[in-house]
Amino acid sequence: MRKQPWVYLFLVVLLIHLAAIYFDNTTIDKITKPLLIILLAGYFIVTTRSVNSRLKKWVLLALFFSWAGDVLLMFVADNSNFFLAGLVSFLIAHIFYIIFFHSVRVQQDVKPKAFLLIPVLVYYVALITFLSPHLGDMKLPVRIYGVVICFMLMLALHMLYIKNKNTGLLMLIGALLFVVSDSTLAINKFYNSFRGAGIIVMLTYGIAQLLITQGAIKYIQKDNR
């Protein structure tokens, strides 16, 4: 199977999933949501199978824990503890993305750029300050999660400095959309639930994972030395 059919199939499933959210069809929702990451993992495995790279395991682990997080969050309505479990699973996924981005940075001899921490830190402080009065018992877990995803974003910003700018841009935009997705989810859950939040969360999340995966594939296929 070539690259494009995988991507097209992923986008079709994502659109069906978004429609299921809009029409509140829980059956289709629960079928399509776990399929998203499975398709991306299949896409990644098939397109990088001929390449021997230690980087592959970090992306696959990040995708696996993202998939686990998706599945766990599907059961929050049955037991609120599933939200914390899903949060932990996504936190682990971000740690593996951190390892991947760091490994790329080192391979490309991109020096650490401390100034990139400034906009990320400003965003983190602003969001946590805004949400903190509404977090209750989840204050510490959300703060820890915020630190991890912001660190992931800071390392993704370093991808702009690798040799292949297009590859780096794919991964950075993916990371940015991941932050948008998680921020929207947090605002909707802890501050004020609003119509369309589920669609925004899953649209930005789906495209985020697709772009990071595509960027990782391009890097492993062509730029990995």
N, C-alpha and C. Protein backbone atom coordinates (compact mmCIF):
# COMPACT_ATOMS: atom_id res chain seq x y z
N MET A 1 0.84 -1.20 0.00
CA MET A 1 0.00 0.00 0.00
C MET A 1 0.88 1.25 0.00
N ARG A 2 0.60 2.18 -0.91
CA ARG A 2 1.41 3.38 -1.00
C ARG A 2 1.05 4.38 0.09
N LYS A 3 1.85 5.42 0.12
CA LYS A 3 1.67 6.45 1.13
C LYS A 3 0.28 7.08 1.07
N GLN A 4 -0.15 7.54 -0.12
CA GLN A 4 -1.38 8.31 -0.22
C GLN A 4 -2.62 7.56 0.27
N PRO A 5 -2.81 6.28 -0.09
CA PRO A 5 -4.00 5.59 0.44
C PRO A 5 -4.08 5.58 1.95
N TRP A 6 -2.94 5.43 2.63
CA TRP A 6 -2.94 5.49 4.09
C TRP A 6 -3.45 6.84 4.57
N VAL A 7 -2.94 7.90 3.97
CA VAL A 7 -3.33 9.25 4.40
C VAL A 7 -4.79 9.51 4.08
N TYR A 8 -5.22 9.13 2.89
CA TYR A 8 -6.62 9.33 2.51
C TYR A 8 -7.56 8.56 3.44
N LEU A 9 -7.19 7.32 3.74
CA LEU A 9 -8.02 6.50 4.63
C LEU A 9 -8.09 7.13 6.01
N PHE A 10 -6.96 7.62 6.50
CA PHE A 10 -6.94 8.29 7.80
C PHE A 10 -7.87 9.50 7.80
N LEU A 11 -7.80 10.33 6.75
CA LEU A 11 -8.63 11.53 6.67
C LEU A 11 -10.11 11.19 6.57
N VAL A 12 -10.43 10.12 5.84
CA VAL A 12 -11.83 9.69 5.75
C VAL A 12 -12.35 9.26 7.12
N VAL A 13 -11.55 8.46 7.83
CA VAL A 13 -11.96 8.00 9.17
C VAL A 13 -12.08 9.19 10.12
N LEU A 14 -11.16 10.15 10.00
CA LEU A 14 -11.23 11.35 10.85
C LEU A 14 -12.51 12.13 10.58
N LEU A 15 -12.86 12.29 9.31
CA LEU A 15 -14.10 13.01 8.96
C LEU A 15 -15.33 12.27 9.48
N ILE A 16 -15.33 10.96 9.36
CA ILE A 16 -16.46 10.16 9.89
C ILE A 16 -16.55 10.32 11.40
N HIS A 17 -15.38 10.34 12.05
CA HIS A 17 -15.35 10.51 13.51
C HIS A 17 -15.89 11.88 13.91
N LEU A 18 -15.50 12.91 13.18
CA LEU A 18 -15.99 14.26 13.48
C LEU A 18 -17.50 14.35 13.27
N ALA A 19 -18.00 13.68 12.23
CA ALA A 19 -19.43 13.65 11.98
C ALA A 19 -20.16 12.93 13.12
N ALA A 20 -19.54 11.86 13.62
CA ALA A 20 -20.13 11.11 14.74
C ALA A 20 -20.23 11.99 15.98
N ILE A 21 -19.22 12.81 16.21
CA ILE A 21 -19.26 13.73 17.35
C ILE A 21 -20.39 14.75 17.15
N TYR A 22 -20.47 15.29 15.94
CA TYR A 22 -21.48 16.33 15.65
C TYR A 22 -22.90 15.80 15.82
N PHE A 23 -23.13 14.58 15.34
CA PHE A 23 -24.46 14.00 15.41
C PHE A 23 -24.67 13.16 16.67
N ASP A 24 -23.68 13.18 17.56
CA ASP A 24 -23.76 12.47 18.84
C ASP A 24 -24.03 10.98 18.66
N ASN A 25 -23.33 10.38 17.70
CA ASN A 25 -23.45 8.95 17.44
C ASN A 25 -22.31 8.24 18.19
N THR A 26 -22.60 7.76 19.38
CA THR A 26 -21.55 7.19 20.23
C THR A 26 -20.99 5.89 19.67
N THR A 27 -21.81 5.14 18.94
CA THR A 27 -21.33 3.87 18.37
C THR A 27 -20.23 4.12 17.34
N ILE A 28 -20.50 5.00 16.37
CA ILE A 28 -19.50 5.33 15.34
C ILE A 28 -18.30 6.02 15.98
N ASP A 29 -18.56 6.86 16.97
CA ASP A 29 -17.50 7.55 17.70
C ASP A 29 -16.50 6.54 18.26
N LYS A 30 -17.03 5.51 18.95
CA LYS A 30 -16.16 4.54 19.61
C LYS A 30 -15.47 3.59 18.64
N ILE A 31 -16.02 3.46 17.44
CA ILE A 31 -15.38 2.63 16.43
C ILE A 31 -14.24 3.38 15.74
N THR A 32 -14.50 4.63 15.39
CA THR A 32 -13.53 5.40 14.60
C THR A 32 -12.38 5.97 15.42
N LYS A 33 -12.64 6.35 16.65
CA LYS A 33 -11.58 6.99 17.44
C LYS A 33 -10.33 6.12 17.59
N PRO A 34 -10.44 4.86 18.00
CA PRO A 34 -9.22 4.04 18.13
C PRO A 34 -8.55 3.74 16.78
N LEU A 35 -9.33 3.81 15.69
CA LEU A 35 -8.77 3.52 14.37
C LEU A 35 -7.77 4.57 13.90
N LEU A 36 -7.93 5.79 14.36
CA LEU A 36 -7.09 6.89 13.87
C LEU A 36 -5.61 6.61 14.08
N ILE A 37 -5.22 6.32 15.30
CA ILE A 37 -3.81 6.09 15.59
C ILE A 37 -3.34 4.76 15.01
N ILE A 38 -4.23 3.77 14.96
CA ILE A 38 -3.86 2.49 14.35
C ILE A 38 -3.47 2.71 12.88
N LEU A 39 -4.23 3.55 12.18
CA LEU A 39 -3.92 3.84 10.78
C LEU A 39 -2.59 4.58 10.65
N LEU A 40 -2.35 5.53 11.53
CA LEU A 40 -1.08 6.27 11.48
C LEU A 40 0.10 5.35 11.79
N ALA A 41 -0.08 4.45 12.74
CA ALA A 41 0.99 3.50 13.07
C ALA A 41 1.26 2.59 11.87
N GLY A 42 0.19 2.13 11.21
CA GLY A 42 0.37 1.31 10.02
C GLY A 42 1.09 2.06 8.93
N TYR A 43 0.69 3.29 8.71
CA TYR A 43 1.33 4.19 7.73
C TYR A 43 2.82 4.34 8.04
N PHE A 44 3.13 4.57 9.30
CA PHE A 44 4.52 4.77 9.71
C PHE A 44 5.34 3.49 9.52
N ILE A 45 4.80 2.37 9.94
CA ILE A 45 5.53 1.09 9.84
C ILE A 45 5.81 0.72 8.39
N VAL A 46 4.78 0.84 7.53
CA VAL A 46 4.94 0.46 6.13
C VAL A 46 5.94 1.36 5.40
N THR A 47 5.87 2.66 5.65
CA THR A 47 6.72 3.59 4.90
C THR A 47 8.15 3.67 5.42
N THR A 48 8.41 3.13 6.60
CA THR A 48 9.79 3.17 7.13
C THR A 48 10.39 1.78 7.31
N ARG A 49 9.70 0.75 6.82
CA ARG A 49 10.15 -0.63 7.08
C ARG A 49 11.52 -0.93 6.47
N SER A 50 11.88 -0.23 5.41
CA SER A 50 13.18 -0.50 4.75
C SER A 50 14.32 0.31 5.36
N VAL A 51 14.00 1.13 6.35
CA VAL A 51 15.00 2.00 6.97
C VAL A 51 15.36 1.47 8.35
N ASN A 52 16.63 1.33 8.60
CA ASN A 52 17.10 0.91 9.92
C ASN A 52 17.45 2.14 10.74
N SER A 53 16.57 2.51 11.64
CA SER A 53 16.79 3.71 12.45
C SER A 53 16.31 3.49 13.87
N ARG A 54 17.12 3.89 14.81
CA ARG A 54 16.74 3.79 16.23
C ARG A 54 15.62 4.76 16.59
N LEU A 55 15.39 5.74 15.72
CA LEU A 55 14.36 6.73 16.00
C LEU A 55 12.95 6.16 15.87
N LYS A 56 12.80 5.10 15.10
CA LYS A 56 11.47 4.55 14.81
C LYS A 56 10.73 4.13 16.08
N LYS A 57 11.46 3.56 17.03
CA LYS A 57 10.80 3.05 18.23
C LYS A 57 10.16 4.18 19.05
N TRP A 58 10.78 5.37 19.04
CA TRP A 58 10.23 6.48 19.84
C TRP A 58 8.90 6.94 19.26
N VAL A 59 8.82 7.01 17.95
CA VAL A 59 7.56 7.42 17.31
C VAL A 59 6.48 6.38 17.54
N LEU A 60 6.83 5.11 17.39
CA LEU A 60 5.84 4.04 17.59
C LEU A 60 5.36 3.99 19.04
N LEU A 61 6.25 4.22 19.98
CA LEU A 61 5.85 4.24 21.39
C LEU A 61 4.94 5.44 21.67
N ALA A 62 5.25 6.58 21.07
CA ALA A 62 4.40 7.76 21.23
C ALA A 62 3.02 7.51 20.66
N LEU A 63 2.97 6.85 19.52
CA LEU A 63 1.68 6.53 18.91
C LEU A 63 0.90 5.51 19.75
N PHE A 64 1.62 4.52 20.27
CA PHE A 64 0.94 3.51 21.09
C PHE A 64 0.29 4.14 22.32
N PHE A 65 1.04 4.98 23.04
CA PHE A 65 0.47 5.57 24.26
C PHE A 65 -0.59 6.63 23.93
N SER A 66 -0.50 7.23 22.74
CA SER A 66 -1.58 8.11 22.29
C SER A 66 -2.85 7.30 22.06
N TRP A 67 -2.68 6.14 21.41
CA TRP A 67 -3.82 5.25 21.18
C TRP A 67 -4.43 4.80 22.52
N ALA A 68 -3.57 4.42 23.45
CA ALA A 68 -4.06 4.00 24.77
C ALA A 68 -4.81 5.14 25.45
N GLY A 69 -4.30 6.36 25.32
CA GLY A 69 -4.97 7.52 25.89
C GLY A 69 -6.34 7.74 25.27
N ASP A 70 -6.41 7.59 23.95
CA ASP A 70 -7.70 7.72 23.26
C ASP A 70 -8.71 6.71 23.80
N VAL A 71 -8.27 5.47 23.94
CA VAL A 71 -9.17 4.41 24.40
C VAL A 71 -9.62 4.68 25.84
N LEU A 72 -8.69 5.05 26.70
CA LEU A 72 -9.04 5.30 28.10
C LEU A 72 -10.03 6.46 28.24
N LEU A 73 -9.85 7.51 27.45
CA LEU A 73 -10.75 8.66 27.56
C LEU A 73 -12.16 8.35 27.07
N MET A 74 -12.30 7.27 26.31
CA MET A 74 -13.63 6.87 25.84
C MET A 74 -14.52 6.40 26.99
N PHE A 75 -13.92 6.06 28.13
CA PHE A 75 -14.68 5.48 29.24
C PHE A 75 -14.83 6.45 30.42
N VAL A 76 -14.53 7.73 30.20
CA VAL A 76 -14.63 8.72 31.27
C VAL A 76 -16.06 8.84 31.79
N ALA A 77 -17.02 8.70 30.89
CA ALA A 77 -18.43 8.81 31.31
C ALA A 77 -18.81 7.70 32.29
N ASP A 78 -18.13 6.56 32.20
CA ASP A 78 -18.42 5.44 33.10
C ASP A 78 -17.71 5.59 34.45
N ASN A 79 -16.50 6.14 34.40
CA ASN A 79 -15.71 6.31 35.62
C ASN A 79 -14.73 7.46 35.41
N SER A 80 -14.81 8.48 36.24
CA SER A 80 -13.97 9.67 36.07
C SER A 80 -12.48 9.38 36.21
N ASN A 81 -12.13 8.24 36.85
CA ASN A 81 -10.72 7.88 36.99
C ASN A 81 -10.05 7.61 35.64
N PHE A 82 -10.86 7.31 34.64
CA PHE A 82 -10.31 7.06 33.31
C PHE A 82 -9.69 8.34 32.72
N PHE A 83 -10.16 9.50 33.19
CA PHE A 83 -9.58 10.74 32.69
C PHE A 83 -8.13 10.87 33.13
N LEU A 84 -7.87 10.59 34.41
CA LEU A 84 -6.50 10.65 34.92
C LEU A 84 -5.63 9.60 34.23
N ALA A 85 -6.18 8.41 34.02
CA ALA A 85 -5.42 7.35 33.34
C ALA A 85 -5.08 7.77 31.92
N GLY A 86 -6.05 8.39 31.24
CA GLY A 86 -5.80 8.87 29.88
C GLY A 86 -4.76 9.98 29.87
N LEU A 87 -4.83 10.85 30.88
CA LEU A 87 -3.86 11.94 31.00
C LEU A 87 -2.45 11.39 31.15
N VAL A 88 -2.30 10.39 32.00
CA VAL A 88 -0.99 9.76 32.21
C VAL A 88 -0.48 9.12 30.91
N SER A 89 -1.38 8.45 30.19
CA SER A 89 -0.99 7.80 28.95
C SER A 89 -0.50 8.82 27.93
N PHE A 90 -1.20 9.94 27.79
CA PHE A 90 -0.77 10.98 26.86
C PHE A 90 0.52 11.65 27.34
N LEU A 91 0.67 11.77 28.65
CA LEU A 91 1.92 12.33 29.18
C LEU A 91 3.10 11.46 28.75
N ILE A 92 2.94 10.13 28.84
CA ILE A 92 4.01 9.22 28.42
C ILE A 92 4.26 9.35 26.92
N ALA A 93 3.18 9.51 26.14
CA ALA A 93 3.32 9.71 24.69
C ALA A 93 4.16 10.94 24.40
N HIS A 94 3.89 12.02 25.13
CA HIS A 94 4.66 13.26 24.93
C HIS A 94 6.13 13.07 25.31
N ILE A 95 6.38 12.28 26.32
CA ILE A 95 7.78 12.01 26.71
C ILE A 95 8.52 11.32 25.56
N PHE A 96 7.85 10.39 24.88
CA PHE A 96 8.49 9.72 23.75
C PHE A 96 8.67 10.66 22.56
N TYR A 97 7.74 11.59 22.37
CA TYR A 97 7.94 12.61 21.33
C TYR A 97 9.10 13.53 21.72
N ILE A 98 9.22 13.81 23.00
CA ILE A 98 10.35 14.62 23.47
C ILE A 98 11.67 13.93 23.14
N ILE A 99 11.75 12.64 23.42
CA ILE A 99 12.97 11.88 23.12
C ILE A 99 13.25 11.90 21.62
N PHE A 100 12.21 11.74 20.81
CA PHE A 100 12.38 11.76 19.36
C PHE A 100 12.91 13.12 18.88
N PHE A 101 12.25 14.21 19.30
CA PHE A 101 12.67 15.54 18.86
C PHE A 101 14.09 15.85 19.35
N HIS A 102 14.40 15.45 20.57
CA HIS A 102 15.74 15.67 21.10
C HIS A 102 16.78 14.91 20.28
N SER A 103 16.45 13.67 19.92
CA SER A 103 17.37 12.86 19.13
C SER A 103 17.62 13.48 17.76
N VAL A 104 16.56 14.00 17.15
CA VAL A 104 16.70 14.68 15.86
C VAL A 104 17.57 15.92 16.01
N ARG A 105 17.32 16.68 17.06
CA ARG A 105 18.11 17.90 17.30
C ARG A 105 19.59 17.57 17.43
N VAL A 106 19.91 16.51 18.17
CA VAL A 106 21.30 16.12 18.38
C VAL A 106 21.92 15.64 17.07
N GLN A 107 21.18 14.81 16.32
CA GLN A 107 21.68 14.31 15.04
C GLN A 107 21.97 15.44 14.06
N GLN A 108 21.13 16.45 14.10
CA GLN A 108 21.27 17.58 13.17
C GLN A 108 22.21 18.67 13.71
N ASP A 109 22.77 18.41 14.88
CA ASP A 109 23.71 19.34 15.50
C ASP A 109 23.09 20.74 15.69
N VAL A 110 21.83 20.74 16.12
CA VAL A 110 21.14 21.99 16.44
C VAL A 110 21.39 22.30 17.91
N LYS A 111 22.02 23.42 18.17
CA LYS A 111 22.35 23.79 19.55
C LYS A 111 21.08 24.21 20.30
N PRO A 112 21.03 23.92 21.60
CA PRO A 112 19.87 24.36 22.40
C PRO A 112 19.67 25.86 22.32
N LYS A 113 18.45 26.29 22.13
CA LYS A 113 18.16 27.72 21.99
C LYS A 113 17.21 28.12 23.12
N ALA A 114 17.80 28.70 24.15
CA ALA A 114 17.06 29.00 25.37
C ALA A 114 15.93 30.00 25.12
N PHE A 115 16.08 30.88 24.13
CA PHE A 115 15.06 31.90 23.90
C PHE A 115 13.73 31.30 23.45
N LEU A 116 13.78 30.07 22.94
CA LEU A 116 12.54 29.41 22.52
C LEU A 116 11.66 29.05 23.72
N LEU A 117 12.28 29.04 24.90
CA LEU A 117 11.52 28.73 26.12
C LEU A 117 10.57 29.87 26.48
N ILE A 118 10.92 31.09 26.08
CA ILE A 118 10.15 32.26 26.52
C ILE A 118 8.69 32.22 26.09
N PRO A 119 8.38 32.09 24.78
CA PRO A 119 6.95 32.06 24.40
C PRO A 119 6.21 30.86 24.97
N VAL A 120 6.91 29.73 25.08
CA VAL A 120 6.28 28.52 25.63
C VAL A 120 5.96 28.73 27.10
N LEU A 121 6.90 29.33 27.84
CA LEU A 121 6.69 29.58 29.26
C LEU A 121 5.56 30.58 29.49
N VAL A 122 5.51 31.62 28.66
CA VAL A 122 4.44 32.61 28.77
C VAL A 122 3.08 31.94 28.57
N TYR A 123 3.00 31.07 27.57
CA TYR A 123 1.73 30.38 27.30
C TYR A 123 1.35 29.47 28.45
N TYR A 124 2.33 28.73 28.96
CA TYR A 124 2.06 27.80 30.07
C TYR A 124 1.54 28.56 31.30
N VAL A 125 2.23 29.61 31.68
CA VAL A 125 1.83 30.39 32.87
C VAL A 125 0.44 30.98 32.68
N ALA A 126 0.18 31.52 31.48
CA ALA A 126 -1.13 32.13 31.22
C ALA A 126 -2.25 31.10 31.30
N LEU A 127 -2.05 29.95 30.69
CA LEU A 127 -3.10 28.92 30.69
C LEU A 127 -3.33 28.34 32.08
N ILE A 128 -2.25 28.02 32.79
CA ILE A 128 -2.39 27.44 34.12
C ILE A 128 -3.00 28.44 35.10
N THR A 129 -2.60 29.70 34.98
CA THR A 129 -3.17 30.74 35.84
C THR A 129 -4.68 30.86 35.61
N PHE A 130 -5.06 30.76 34.33
CA PHE A 130 -6.47 30.86 33.96
C PHE A 130 -7.26 29.66 34.47
N LEU A 131 -6.68 28.46 34.37
CA LEU A 131 -7.41 27.24 34.72
C LEU A 131 -7.36 26.88 36.21
N SER A 132 -6.30 27.28 36.89
CA SER A 132 -6.06 26.82 38.27
C SER A 132 -7.26 26.93 39.21
N PRO A 133 -8.01 28.04 39.20
CA PRO A 133 -9.16 28.13 40.13
C PRO A 133 -10.24 27.08 39.87
N HIS A 134 -10.17 26.42 38.70
CA HIS A 134 -11.23 25.49 38.32
C HIS A 134 -10.77 24.03 38.31
N LEU A 135 -9.53 23.78 38.69
CA LEU A 135 -8.97 22.43 38.54
C LEU A 135 -9.27 21.50 39.71
N GLY A 136 -9.49 22.04 40.89
CA GLY A 136 -9.79 21.20 42.06
C GLY A 136 -8.68 20.20 42.34
N ASP A 137 -9.06 18.93 42.49
CA ASP A 137 -8.08 17.87 42.79
C ASP A 137 -7.14 17.57 41.62
N MET A 138 -7.47 18.07 40.45
CA MET A 138 -6.66 17.81 39.27
C MET A 138 -5.58 18.87 39.05
N LYS A 139 -5.42 19.77 40.01
CA LYS A 139 -4.48 20.87 39.83
C LYS A 139 -3.05 20.39 39.58
N LEU A 140 -2.56 19.47 40.41
CA LEU A 140 -1.18 18.99 40.25
C LEU A 140 -1.00 18.18 38.97
N PRO A 141 -1.88 17.19 38.68
CA PRO A 141 -1.71 16.43 37.43
C PRO A 141 -1.74 17.30 36.18
N VAL A 142 -2.63 18.28 36.15
CA VAL A 142 -2.73 19.15 34.97
C VAL A 142 -1.49 20.02 34.85
N ARG A 143 -0.97 20.51 35.95
CA ARG A 143 0.25 21.32 35.90
C ARG A 143 1.43 20.50 35.40
N ILE A 144 1.55 19.27 35.89
CA ILE A 144 2.65 18.40 35.45
C ILE A 144 2.51 18.10 33.96
N TYR A 145 1.30 17.78 33.54
CA TYR A 145 1.05 17.50 32.13
C TYR A 145 1.39 18.72 31.28
N GLY A 146 1.02 19.89 31.76
CA GLY A 146 1.31 21.13 31.03
C GLY A 146 2.80 21.34 30.85
N VAL A 147 3.57 21.06 31.88
CA VAL A 147 5.03 21.20 31.79
C VAL A 147 5.58 20.27 30.71
N VAL A 148 5.11 19.03 30.71
CA VAL A 148 5.62 18.03 29.75
C VAL A 148 5.27 18.42 28.32
N ILE A 149 4.02 18.80 28.06
CA ILE A 149 3.64 19.11 26.68
C ILE A 149 4.31 20.40 26.22
N CYS A 150 4.54 21.34 27.13
CA CYS A 150 5.23 22.57 26.74
C CYS A 150 6.71 22.30 26.46
N PHE A 151 7.30 21.35 27.18
CA PHE A 151 8.68 20.97 26.89
C PHE A 151 8.75 20.30 25.52
N MET A 152 7.74 19.48 25.22
CA MET A 152 7.66 18.86 23.90
C MET A 152 7.59 19.93 22.81
N LEU A 153 6.76 20.96 23.05
CA LEU A 153 6.62 22.04 22.08
C LEU A 153 7.93 22.80 21.90
N MET A 154 8.64 23.05 23.00
CA MET A 154 9.91 23.78 22.90
C MET A 154 10.91 23.01 22.04
N LEU A 155 10.98 21.68 22.23
CA LEU A 155 11.88 20.87 21.41
C LEU A 155 11.42 20.83 19.96
N ALA A 156 10.10 20.83 19.75
CA ALA A 156 9.57 20.85 18.39
C ALA A 156 9.95 22.16 17.69
N LEU A 157 10.02 23.24 18.43
CA LEU A 157 10.44 24.52 17.85
C LEU A 157 11.87 24.44 17.30
N HIS A 158 12.68 23.58 17.89
CA HIS A 158 14.05 23.39 17.40
C HIS A 158 14.07 22.71 16.03
N MET A 159 12.95 22.07 15.64
CA MET A 159 12.90 21.40 14.34
C MET A 159 12.97 22.40 13.20
N LEU A 160 12.70 23.69 13.48
CA LEU A 160 12.84 24.71 12.45
C LEU A 160 14.29 24.91 12.03
N TYR A 161 15.21 24.40 12.83
CA TYR A 161 16.63 24.64 12.57
C TYR A 161 17.34 23.42 11.98
N ILE A 162 16.59 22.34 11.67
CA ILE A 162 17.22 21.20 11.02
C ILE A 162 17.41 21.53 9.54
N LYS A 163 18.19 20.72 8.85
CA LYS A 163 18.55 21.04 7.46
C LYS A 163 17.34 21.09 6.54
N ASN A 164 16.44 20.12 6.66
CA ASN A 164 15.25 20.11 5.82
C ASN A 164 14.14 20.89 6.54
N LYS A 165 13.97 22.14 6.13
CA LYS A 165 13.02 23.02 6.81
C LYS A 165 11.58 22.53 6.68
N ASN A 166 11.24 21.95 5.53
CA ASN A 166 9.86 21.48 5.34
C ASN A 166 9.52 20.35 6.30
N THR A 167 10.48 19.44 6.50
CA THR A 167 10.29 18.35 7.45
C THR A 167 10.12 18.89 8.86
N GLY A 168 10.98 19.82 9.22
CA GLY A 168 10.90 20.43 10.54
C GLY A 168 9.60 21.17 10.75
N LEU A 169 9.12 21.85 9.70
CA LEU A 169 7.88 22.61 9.82
C LEU A 169 6.69 21.70 10.03
N LEU A 170 6.68 20.55 9.35
CA LEU A 170 5.59 19.57 9.55
C LEU A 170 5.50 19.17 11.02
N MET A 171 6.64 18.83 11.60
CA MET A 171 6.66 18.38 12.99
C MET A 171 6.28 19.50 13.94
N LEU A 172 6.74 20.72 13.66
CA LEU A 172 6.41 21.85 14.53
C LEU A 172 4.93 22.16 14.49
N ILE A 173 4.34 22.23 13.30
CA ILE A 173 2.91 22.52 13.20
C ILE A 173 2.11 21.43 13.91
N GLY A 174 2.55 20.18 13.75
CA GLY A 174 1.88 19.10 14.46
C GLY A 174 1.92 19.29 15.96
N ALA A 175 3.08 19.65 16.48
CA ALA A 175 3.23 19.88 17.92
C ALA A 175 2.35 21.05 18.39
N LEU A 176 2.31 22.11 17.60
CA LEU A 176 1.48 23.27 17.95
C LEU A 176 0.00 22.88 18.00
N LEU A 177 -0.44 22.10 17.02
CA LEU A 177 -1.85 21.68 17.00
C LEU A 177 -2.16 20.75 18.16
N PHE A 178 -1.18 19.96 18.57
CA PHE A 178 -1.36 19.09 19.74
C PHE A 178 -1.63 19.94 20.98
N VAL A 179 -0.88 21.02 21.13
CA VAL A 179 -1.06 21.92 22.27
C VAL A 179 -2.44 22.59 22.19
N VAL A 180 -2.84 23.00 20.99
CA VAL A 180 -4.17 23.60 20.81
C VAL A 180 -5.26 22.61 21.21
N SER A 181 -5.11 21.36 20.77
CA SER A 181 -6.09 20.32 21.10
C SER A 181 -6.19 20.10 22.60
N ASP A 182 -5.05 19.93 23.26
CA ASP A 182 -5.06 19.68 24.71
C ASP A 182 -5.56 20.89 25.48
N SER A 183 -5.23 22.08 25.01
CA SER A 183 -5.69 23.30 25.70
C SER A 183 -7.20 23.44 25.58
N THR A 184 -7.72 23.15 24.40
CA THR A 184 -9.17 23.23 24.18
C THR A 184 -9.89 22.21 25.05
N LEU A 185 -9.33 21.00 25.12
CA LEU A 185 -9.93 19.97 25.96
C LEU A 185 -9.96 20.40 27.43
N ALA A 186 -8.84 21.00 27.90
CA ALA A 186 -8.77 21.43 29.29
C ALA A 186 -9.76 22.54 29.59
N ILE A 187 -9.85 23.51 28.69
CA ILE A 187 -10.79 24.62 28.88
C ILE A 187 -12.22 24.11 28.89
N ASN A 188 -12.53 23.21 27.98
CA ASN A 188 -13.88 22.66 27.89
C ASN A 188 -14.24 21.84 29.13
N LYS A 189 -13.28 21.09 29.65
CA LYS A 189 -13.56 20.21 30.79
C LYS A 189 -13.57 20.96 32.12
N PHE A 190 -12.62 21.86 32.31
CA PHE A 190 -12.45 22.46 33.64
C PHE A 190 -13.04 23.86 33.77
N TYR A 191 -13.12 24.60 32.68
CA TYR A 191 -13.61 25.98 32.79
C TYR A 191 -15.05 26.12 32.33
N ASN A 192 -15.29 25.87 31.05
CA ASN A 192 -16.64 26.05 30.53
C ASN A 192 -16.84 25.17 29.30
N SER A 193 -17.79 24.24 29.41
CA SER A 193 -18.09 23.35 28.29
C SER A 193 -18.80 24.15 27.20
N PHE A 194 -18.35 24.00 25.96
CA PHE A 194 -18.98 24.75 24.88
C PHE A 194 -19.22 23.85 23.67
N ARG A 195 -20.24 24.19 22.91
CA ARG A 195 -20.62 23.41 21.74
C ARG A 195 -19.51 23.44 20.69
N GLY A 196 -19.20 22.32 20.16
CA GLY A 196 -18.16 22.24 19.13
C GLY A 196 -16.78 21.95 19.67
N ALA A 197 -16.66 21.90 20.99
CA ALA A 197 -15.35 21.66 21.59
C ALA A 197 -14.79 20.29 21.17
N GLY A 198 -15.66 19.27 21.17
CA GLY A 198 -15.21 17.94 20.81
C GLY A 198 -14.67 17.87 19.39
N ILE A 199 -15.32 18.60 18.48
CA ILE A 199 -14.87 18.62 17.09
C ILE A 199 -13.52 19.33 16.99
N ILE A 200 -13.38 20.45 17.68
CA ILE A 200 -12.10 21.19 17.66
C ILE A 200 -10.98 20.33 18.23
N VAL A 201 -11.26 19.67 19.35
CA VAL A 201 -10.25 18.84 20.01
C VAL A 201 -9.78 17.72 19.08
N MET A 202 -10.72 17.00 18.47
CA MET A 202 -10.34 15.86 17.65
C MET A 202 -9.79 16.26 16.29
N LEU A 203 -10.27 17.36 15.73
CA LEU A 203 -9.73 17.83 14.44
C LEU A 203 -8.27 18.24 14.60
N THR A 204 -7.98 19.07 15.61
CA THR A 204 -6.60 19.52 15.82
C THR A 204 -5.71 18.36 16.25
N TYR A 205 -6.25 17.45 17.05
CA TYR A 205 -5.48 16.28 17.50
C TYR A 205 -5.15 15.36 16.33
N GLY A 206 -6.16 15.08 15.50
CA GLY A 206 -5.94 14.19 14.37
C GLY A 206 -4.91 14.73 13.40
N ILE A 207 -5.05 16.02 13.03
CA ILE A 207 -4.09 16.63 12.11
C ILE A 207 -2.71 16.73 12.75
N ALA A 208 -2.67 16.99 14.06
CA ALA A 208 -1.39 17.06 14.78
C ALA A 208 -0.63 15.74 14.67
N GLN A 209 -1.32 14.66 14.96
CA GLN A 209 -0.67 13.35 14.91
C GLN A 209 -0.25 13.00 13.47
N LEU A 210 -1.08 13.36 12.50
CA LEU A 210 -0.74 13.10 11.10
C LEU A 210 0.52 13.86 10.69
N LEU A 211 0.60 15.13 11.03
CA LEU A 211 1.75 15.95 10.63
C LEU A 211 3.04 15.51 11.32
N ILE A 212 2.95 15.18 12.60
CA ILE A 212 4.14 14.69 13.30
C ILE A 212 4.60 13.38 12.69
N THR A 213 3.65 12.50 12.39
CA THR A 213 4.00 11.21 11.78
C THR A 213 4.62 11.41 10.40
N GLN A 214 4.03 12.28 9.58
CA GLN A 214 4.58 12.54 8.25
C GLN A 214 5.97 13.16 8.34
N GLY A 215 6.14 14.09 9.27
CA GLY A 215 7.46 14.69 9.46
C GLY A 215 8.49 13.67 9.88
N ALA A 216 8.09 12.80 10.81
CA ALA A 216 9.00 11.75 11.27
C ALA A 216 9.36 10.79 10.14
N ILE A 217 8.38 10.44 9.30
CA ILE A 217 8.64 9.56 8.17
C ILE A 217 9.64 10.20 7.21
N LYS A 218 9.40 11.47 6.87
CA LYS A 218 10.30 12.17 5.96
C LYS A 218 11.71 12.24 6.51
N TYR A 219 11.81 12.52 7.81
CA TYR A 219 13.13 12.63 8.41
C TYR A 219 13.84 11.28 8.40
N ILE A 220 13.16 10.24 8.82
CA ILE A 220 13.77 8.91 8.89
C ILE A 220 14.13 8.40 7.51
N GLN A 221 13.32 8.69 6.51
CA GLN A 221 13.58 8.21 5.16
C GLN A 221 14.74 8.95 4.47
N LYS A 222 14.81 10.26 4.68
CA LYS A 222 15.74 11.06 3.87
C LYS A 222 16.81 11.80 4.65
N ASP A 223 16.46 12.29 5.83
CA ASP A 223 17.36 13.19 6.53
C ASP A 223 18.17 12.52 7.63
N ASN A 224 17.76 11.33 8.03
CA ASN A 224 18.46 10.63 9.11
C ASN A 224 19.84 10.17 8.63
N ARG A 225 20.85 10.57 9.32
CA ARG A 225 22.23 10.23 8.93
C ARG A 225 22.91 9.47 10.06
